[in-house]
Protein backbone atom coordinates (compact mmCIF):
# COMPACT_ATOMS: atom_id res chain seq x y z
CA LEU A 1 0.00 0.00 0.00
CA GLU A 2 2.84 2.38 0.85
CA ASP A 3 4.29 1.82 -2.64
CA GLY A 4 0.96 2.85 -4.20
CA LYS A 5 0.40 -0.57 -5.76
CA ILE A 6 -3.04 -1.83 -6.58
CA LEU A 7 -3.38 -4.93 -4.43
CA VAL A 8 -5.74 -6.82 -6.74
CA ASN A 9 -2.95 -6.83 -9.37
CA GLN A 10 -0.43 -8.48 -7.02
CA ASN A 11 0.22 -12.21 -6.71
CA TRP A 12 -1.11 -13.52 -3.40
CA SER A 13 -1.28 -17.01 -1.95
CA GLU A 14 -4.73 -18.34 -1.07
CA GLU A 15 -3.94 -17.83 2.62
CA GLU A 16 -2.91 -14.20 2.02
CA LYS A 17 -6.06 -13.56 -0.05
CA LYS A 18 -8.18 -14.96 2.77
CA LEU A 19 -6.44 -12.71 5.29
CA LEU A 20 -6.70 -9.60 3.09
CA LYS A 21 -10.38 -10.26 2.38
CA ASN A 22 -11.16 -9.56 6.04
CA TYR A 23 -10.02 -5.95 5.61
CA GLN A 24 -12.40 -5.28 2.71
CA LEU A 25 -9.87 -3.04 0.99
CA LEU A 26 -11.13 -1.28 -2.13
CA THR A 27 -7.74 -1.83 -3.72
CA MET A 28 -8.40 -5.60 -3.57
CA LYS A 29 -11.56 -5.25 -5.67
CA PRO A 30 -11.47 -5.86 -9.41
CA ARG A 31 -11.84 -2.64 -11.35
CA ILE A 32 -12.74 -1.33 -14.75
CA TYR A 33 -11.93 2.18 -15.88
CA LEU A 34 -14.49 4.11 -17.87
CA LEU A 35 -12.83 6.75 -20.03
CA ASN A 36 -15.52 9.31 -20.81
CA GLY A 37 -15.36 10.71 -24.33
CA ASP A 38 -14.75 9.69 -27.90
CA GLU A 39 -11.83 7.36 -28.65
CA LYS A 40 -10.19 10.02 -30.84
CA ASP A 41 -10.23 12.42 -27.84
CA ILE A 42 -8.25 10.08 -25.58
CA PRO A 43 -4.49 10.65 -25.92
CA PRO A 44 -2.71 7.52 -27.26
CA GLU A 45 -0.27 7.59 -24.33
CA VAL A 46 -3.20 7.18 -21.92
CA ILE A 47 -4.52 4.17 -23.83
CA ASN A 48 -1.00 2.72 -24.04
CA GLU A 49 -0.59 3.10 -20.25
CA PHE A 50 -3.82 1.18 -19.64
CA ARG A 51 -2.79 -1.57 -22.06
CA LYS A 52 0.77 -1.75 -20.67
CA ASN A 53 -0.59 -2.24 -17.14
CA ASN A 54 -3.27 -4.67 -18.35
CA TRP A 55 -5.99 -2.52 -16.79
CA HIS A 56 -9.55 -3.17 -17.90
CA PHE A 57 -11.00 -0.09 -19.56
CA LEU A 58 -13.75 1.02 -21.88
CA ILE A 59 -14.07 4.26 -23.80
CA MET A 60 -17.58 5.63 -23.96
CA ASP A 61 -19.21 9.02 -24.36
CA VAL A 62 -21.57 8.87 -21.37
CA LEU A 63 -23.65 11.92 -22.39
CA THR A 64 -24.25 10.50 -25.87
CA GLU A 65 -25.23 7.15 -24.35
CA PHE A 66 -27.78 8.80 -22.06
CA GLU A 67 -29.21 10.81 -24.96
CA ALA A 68 -29.49 7.73 -27.16
CA VAL A 69 -30.80 5.17 -24.67
CA SER A 70 -34.50 5.92 -25.23
CA LEU A 71 -34.22 5.96 -29.04
CA SER A 72 -34.47 3.04 -31.44
CA PRO A 73 -31.38 2.16 -33.53
CA GLU A 74 -33.09 3.71 -36.58
CA GLU A 75 -33.82 6.96 -34.70
CA ARG A 76 -30.23 7.09 -33.47
CA LYS A 77 -28.93 6.68 -37.00
CA GLU A 78 -31.24 9.42 -38.31
CA ILE A 79 -29.88 12.02 -35.90
CA GLY A 80 -26.24 10.95 -36.18
CA LEU A 81 -25.89 9.01 -32.95
CA PRO A 82 -24.30 5.54 -32.82
CA GLU A 83 -26.78 2.75 -33.59
CA LYS A 84 -25.23 0.41 -31.04
CA LEU A 85 -24.94 1.57 -27.44
CA LYS A 86 -21.80 0.90 -25.43
CA PHE A 87 -23.76 0.46 -22.18
CA ASN A 88 -24.18 -3.18 -23.20
CA ASP A 89 -20.40 -3.48 -23.67
CA LEU A 90 -19.87 -1.99 -20.21
CA ILE A 91 -22.22 -4.53 -18.64
CA LYS A 92 -20.53 -7.42 -20.49
CA GLU A 93 -17.07 -6.24 -19.41
CA CYS A 94 -18.19 -5.95 -15.79
CA TYR A 95 -19.64 -9.47 -15.88
CA LYS A 96 -16.36 -10.77 -17.32
CA LEU A 97 -14.29 -8.93 -14.74
CA LEU A 98 -16.43 -10.21 -11.86
CA ASP A 99 -16.64 -13.72 -13.40
CA LEU A 100 -20.44 -13.70 -13.50
CA ILE A 101 -22.87 -15.45 -15.82
CA THR A 102 -26.60 -15.22 -16.44
CA PHE A 103 -29.13 -18.03 -16.37
CA PHE A 104 -32.88 -17.84 -16.91
CA THR A 105 -36.04 -19.28 -15.41
CA THR A 106 -39.56 -19.14 -16.76
CA VAL A 107 -42.93 -19.07 -15.06
CA SER A 108 -45.91 -19.01 -17.42
CA ASN A 109 -44.91 -16.43 -20.02
CA GLN A 110 -42.48 -14.54 -17.79
CA ILE A 111 -38.73 -14.90 -18.09
CA GLN A 112 -36.47 -14.05 -15.15
CA ALA A 113 -32.74 -13.47 -15.54
CA TRP A 114 -30.46 -14.41 -12.64
CA THR A 115 -26.82 -13.53 -12.08
CA ILE A 116 -24.50 -16.10 -10.51
CA LYS A 117 -20.76 -16.71 -10.19
CA ASN A 118 -19.24 -18.66 -13.08
CA GLY A 119 -18.69 -22.26 -11.98
CA ALA A 120 -21.76 -22.40 -9.71
CA THR A 121 -23.78 -25.60 -9.62
CA VAL A 122 -27.46 -25.89 -10.41
CA LEU A 123 -28.03 -26.56 -6.70
CA GLN A 124 -26.54 -23.15 -5.88
CA ALA A 125 -28.68 -21.61 -8.64
CA ALA A 126 -31.76 -23.25 -7.13
CA GLY A 127 -30.92 -21.69 -3.77
CA LEU A 128 -30.61 -18.27 -5.41
CA ILE A 129 -34.15 -18.60 -6.74
CA HIS A 130 -35.65 -19.91 -3.47
CA THR A 131 -34.11 -21.70 -0.50
CA ASP A 132 -36.81 -24.41 -0.70
CA PHE A 133 -35.72 -25.20 -4.25
CA GLN A 134 -32.23 -25.89 -2.96
CA LYS A 135 -33.43 -27.80 0.10
CA TYR A 136 -35.83 -30.05 -1.80
CA PHE A 137 -33.97 -30.20 -5.14
CA VAL A 138 -34.71 -33.27 -7.25
CA ARG A 139 -33.40 -32.38 -10.71
CA ALA A 140 -33.24 -29.58 -13.24
CA GLU A 141 -34.36 -29.43 -16.85
CA VAL A 142 -31.88 -27.36 -18.84
CA ILE A 143 -31.63 -25.90 -22.34
CA ASN A 144 -29.59 -23.03 -23.77
CA TRP A 145 -31.72 -19.98 -24.60
CA LYS A 146 -30.60 -19.94 -28.27
CA THR A 147 -31.49 -23.60 -28.71
CA LEU A 148 -34.87 -22.94 -27.07
CA LEU A 149 -35.62 -20.07 -29.48
CA GLU A 150 -34.48 -22.06 -32.50
CA ALA A 151 -36.71 -24.95 -31.43
CA GLY A 152 -39.72 -22.64 -31.18
CA GLY A 153 -40.48 -23.02 -27.47
CA PHE A 154 -40.50 -25.61 -24.72
CA GLY A 155 -43.03 -27.94 -26.35
CA ALA A 156 -41.05 -28.22 -29.58
CA ALA A 157 -37.77 -28.52 -27.67
CA ARG A 158 -39.19 -31.41 -25.63
CA GLU A 159 -40.42 -33.18 -28.76
CA LYS A 160 -36.95 -32.86 -30.32
CA GLY A 161 -35.24 -34.11 -27.15
CA LEU A 162 -33.30 -30.89 -26.68
CA ILE A 163 -34.04 -30.43 -22.97
CA ARG A 164 -31.51 -32.17 -20.72
CA THR A 165 -32.12 -33.49 -17.22
CA GLU A 166 -29.30 -32.54 -14.87
CA GLY A 167 -28.46 -33.38 -11.28
CA ARG A 168 -27.31 -31.22 -8.39
CA ASP A 169 -23.65 -31.19 -9.49
CA TYR A 170 -24.32 -29.76 -12.95
CA VAL A 171 -22.31 -26.57 -13.50
CA VAL A 172 -24.60 -23.84 -14.84
CA ALA A 173 -23.56 -22.43 -18.22
CA ASP A 174 -24.05 -18.85 -19.32
CA GLY A 175 -27.40 -18.61 -21.11
CA ASP A 176 -28.98 -21.75 -19.62
CA VAL A 177 -32.75 -21.76 -19.20
CA ILE A 178 -33.40 -23.86 -16.11
CA GLU A 179 -36.56 -25.38 -14.70
CA ILE A 180 -35.98 -26.62 -11.16
CA LYS A 181 -37.89 -29.70 -10.05
CA ALA A 182 -38.22 -29.81 -6.27
CA ASN A 183 -40.12 -32.13 -3.95
CA ALA A 184 -41.57 -29.70 -1.42
């Protein structure tokens, strides 16, 4: 700390990480730098410094993003704003940095997105949804969201045998649509 080093960028043993975690130091948290403005406005030496230090960063004109968020891509194009917003890129970069993934559940015609640590099991995902689902977990029916859309829905996916049955040790994949079967 006295040397001004960012602790998250240092090499620590598991024991040291555990000890440092107790102090809840901000410098131990992963970080992403948001450079506000247009890429052409950021001096190359600044970008080179970020790359040299392997710091996560994103360049985005925040004011333009706020102005464009309520407009359709066509409307944005008409008035000279970027069609694609960088807010989505910022969210994706944050998920990557924090090692998070998204899985989905459905109830009737409603879809719910859930965020969980990459590498989590379906049992942990069940507990995130409801503690009873974790406690009384039997199995999970799983399909990737793209496969589900391509199949044309759950009924068609079932007919084609695209829905898998998984046990409590299944590691949830980014984009899984999961139906938890519990015996409560």
